[in-house]
Amino acid sequence: MRRRTAPAVALLPLILCACSTEFVTVAPDVSTEAPRLGHVRGVAYSHILFGSPTYNIIPIGWDGRAQRACDEAIGCVPGATGLVDVTLEEDWFWWVIGSARKLVLEGDAVKR
């Protein structure tokens, strides 16, 4: 009995701990007739100091990360007001005292 209980008790904190955020619309709907102005790319970083991706001790730059990448992408083309055919990719890497997340947003800039 004790052999079965110990692993379950050890996993309980991992199961009960979770993060959630609000749903954010990064690229609102755009008319199909909107003129395309070119392919763009935006990048935003966030970091965790003194922790792992599961346990965030000191999170830096997490709020608005997708919006920062979107704003950077739209800002690449003068006159652009939105994005279509958007893709979002995230990579993460470890460094000496924490980890970082790199969020890459790509799409076609349009003028609504």
Protein backbone atom coordinates (compact mmCIF):
# COMPACT_ATOMS: atom_id res chain seq x y z
CA MET A 1 0.00 0.00 0.00
CA ARG A 2 2.77 2.43 0.93
CA ARG A 3 4.55 1.82 -2.40
CA ARG A 4 1.49 3.02 -4.31
CA THR A 5 0.72 5.99 -2.11
CA ALA A 6 4.18 7.61 -2.11
CA PRO A 7 4.35 8.28 -5.90
CA ALA A 8 0.78 9.58 -5.93
CA VAL A 9 1.51 11.97 -3.06
CA ALA A 10 4.74 13.10 -4.76
CA LEU A 11 2.90 13.90 -8.01
CA LEU A 12 0.01 15.70 -6.33
CA PRO A 13 1.73 19.14 -6.17
CA LEU A 14 2.60 18.92 -9.87
CA ILE A 15 -0.98 18.08 -10.79
CA LEU A 16 -2.49 20.85 -8.67
CA CYS A 17 -0.09 23.61 -9.78
CA ALA A 18 -0.96 25.27 -13.08
CA CYS A 19 -0.80 28.60 -14.84
CA SER A 20 -3.46 30.22 -16.94
CA THR A 21 -3.90 33.52 -18.72
CA GLU A 22 -6.67 35.38 -20.44
CA PHE A 23 -7.42 34.68 -24.11
CA VAL A 24 -5.82 37.38 -26.23
CA THR A 25 -6.64 38.09 -29.86
CA VAL A 26 -3.31 38.91 -31.43
CA ALA A 27 -4.44 39.33 -35.03
CA PRO A 28 -8.08 40.44 -35.32
CA ASP A 29 -10.16 39.47 -38.37
CA VAL A 30 -9.29 41.37 -41.52
CA SER A 31 -11.27 41.62 -44.75
CA THR A 32 -10.12 39.27 -47.52
CA GLU A 33 -10.00 42.31 -49.86
CA ALA A 34 -7.44 44.11 -47.68
CA PRO A 35 -4.26 44.83 -49.68
CA ARG A 36 -1.25 42.79 -48.60
CA LEU A 37 1.85 44.86 -47.98
CA GLY A 38 4.45 42.13 -47.49
CA HIS A 39 5.57 39.33 -45.19
CA VAL A 40 6.61 40.47 -41.70
CA ARG A 41 8.12 38.96 -38.57
CA GLY A 42 8.06 40.06 -34.94
CA VAL A 43 10.01 38.60 -32.01
CA ALA A 44 9.51 38.99 -28.25
CA TYR A 45 11.39 37.43 -25.35
CA SER A 46 10.46 36.55 -21.79
CA HIS A 47 12.63 35.17 -19.00
CA ILE A 48 12.41 33.21 -15.78
CA LEU A 49 15.12 33.86 -13.19
CA PHE A 50 15.94 31.29 -10.54
CA GLY A 51 13.39 28.75 -11.66
CA SER A 52 12.28 26.19 -14.18
CA PRO A 53 9.52 26.53 -16.79
CA THR A 54 7.19 24.87 -14.27
CA TYR A 55 8.08 27.00 -11.24
CA ASN A 56 8.35 30.71 -12.03
CA ILE A 57 10.39 32.36 -9.31
CA ILE A 58 10.97 35.72 -11.02
CA PRO A 59 9.16 36.05 -14.38
CA ILE A 60 10.31 38.95 -16.58
CA GLY A 61 8.50 40.19 -19.68
CA TRP A 62 5.66 37.66 -19.75
CA ASP A 63 2.78 40.13 -19.89
CA GLY A 64 1.99 41.31 -23.40
CA ARG A 65 4.64 39.18 -25.08
CA ALA A 66 2.45 38.22 -28.04
CA GLN A 67 1.25 41.81 -28.41
CA ARG A 68 4.86 43.08 -28.45
CA ALA A 69 5.72 40.64 -31.24
CA CYS A 70 2.60 41.66 -33.17
CA ASP A 71 3.37 45.37 -32.79
CA GLU A 72 6.96 44.79 -33.97
CA ALA A 73 5.73 42.87 -37.03
CA ILE A 74 3.17 45.52 -37.99
CA GLY A 75 5.75 48.26 -37.44
CA CYS A 76 8.04 46.71 -40.08
CA VAL A 77 5.84 48.01 -42.92
CA PRO A 78 4.78 51.67 -43.05
CA GLY A 79 1.00 52.00 -43.26
CA ALA A 80 0.26 48.46 -42.05
CA THR A 81 -2.63 48.17 -39.62
CA GLY A 82 -3.10 44.41 -39.24
CA LEU A 83 -1.89 40.91 -40.04
CA VAL A 84 -3.29 37.94 -41.95
CA ASP A 85 -2.08 34.33 -42.27
CA VAL A 86 -0.44 34.59 -38.86
CA THR A 87 1.75 31.84 -37.40
CA LEU A 88 3.10 31.80 -33.88
CA GLU A 89 6.11 29.78 -32.76
CA GLU A 90 7.81 29.55 -29.40
CA ASP A 91 11.26 28.24 -28.53
CA TRP A 92 12.85 28.14 -25.12
CA PHE A 93 16.40 27.79 -23.91
CA TRP A 94 18.22 27.53 -20.61
CA TRP A 95 20.89 29.87 -19.41
CA VAL A 96 22.94 29.88 -16.22
CA ILE A 97 20.35 31.14 -13.69
CA GLY A 98 17.06 30.62 -15.51
CA SER A 99 15.41 30.14 -18.86
CA ALA A 100 14.08 32.26 -21.70
CA ARG A 101 11.24 31.97 -24.18
CA LYS A 102 11.47 33.35 -27.70
CA LEU A 103 8.11 34.01 -29.34
CA VAL A 104 8.16 34.49 -33.12
CA LEU A 105 5.08 35.82 -34.91
CA GLU A 106 4.98 35.85 -38.73
CA GLY A 107 2.33 36.87 -41.21
CA ASP A 108 1.40 39.18 -44.04
CA ALA A 109 0.95 42.85 -43.22
CA VAL A 110 -2.25 44.44 -44.50
CA LYS A 111 -3.94 47.83 -44.48
CA ARG A 112 -7.55 47.50 -43.29
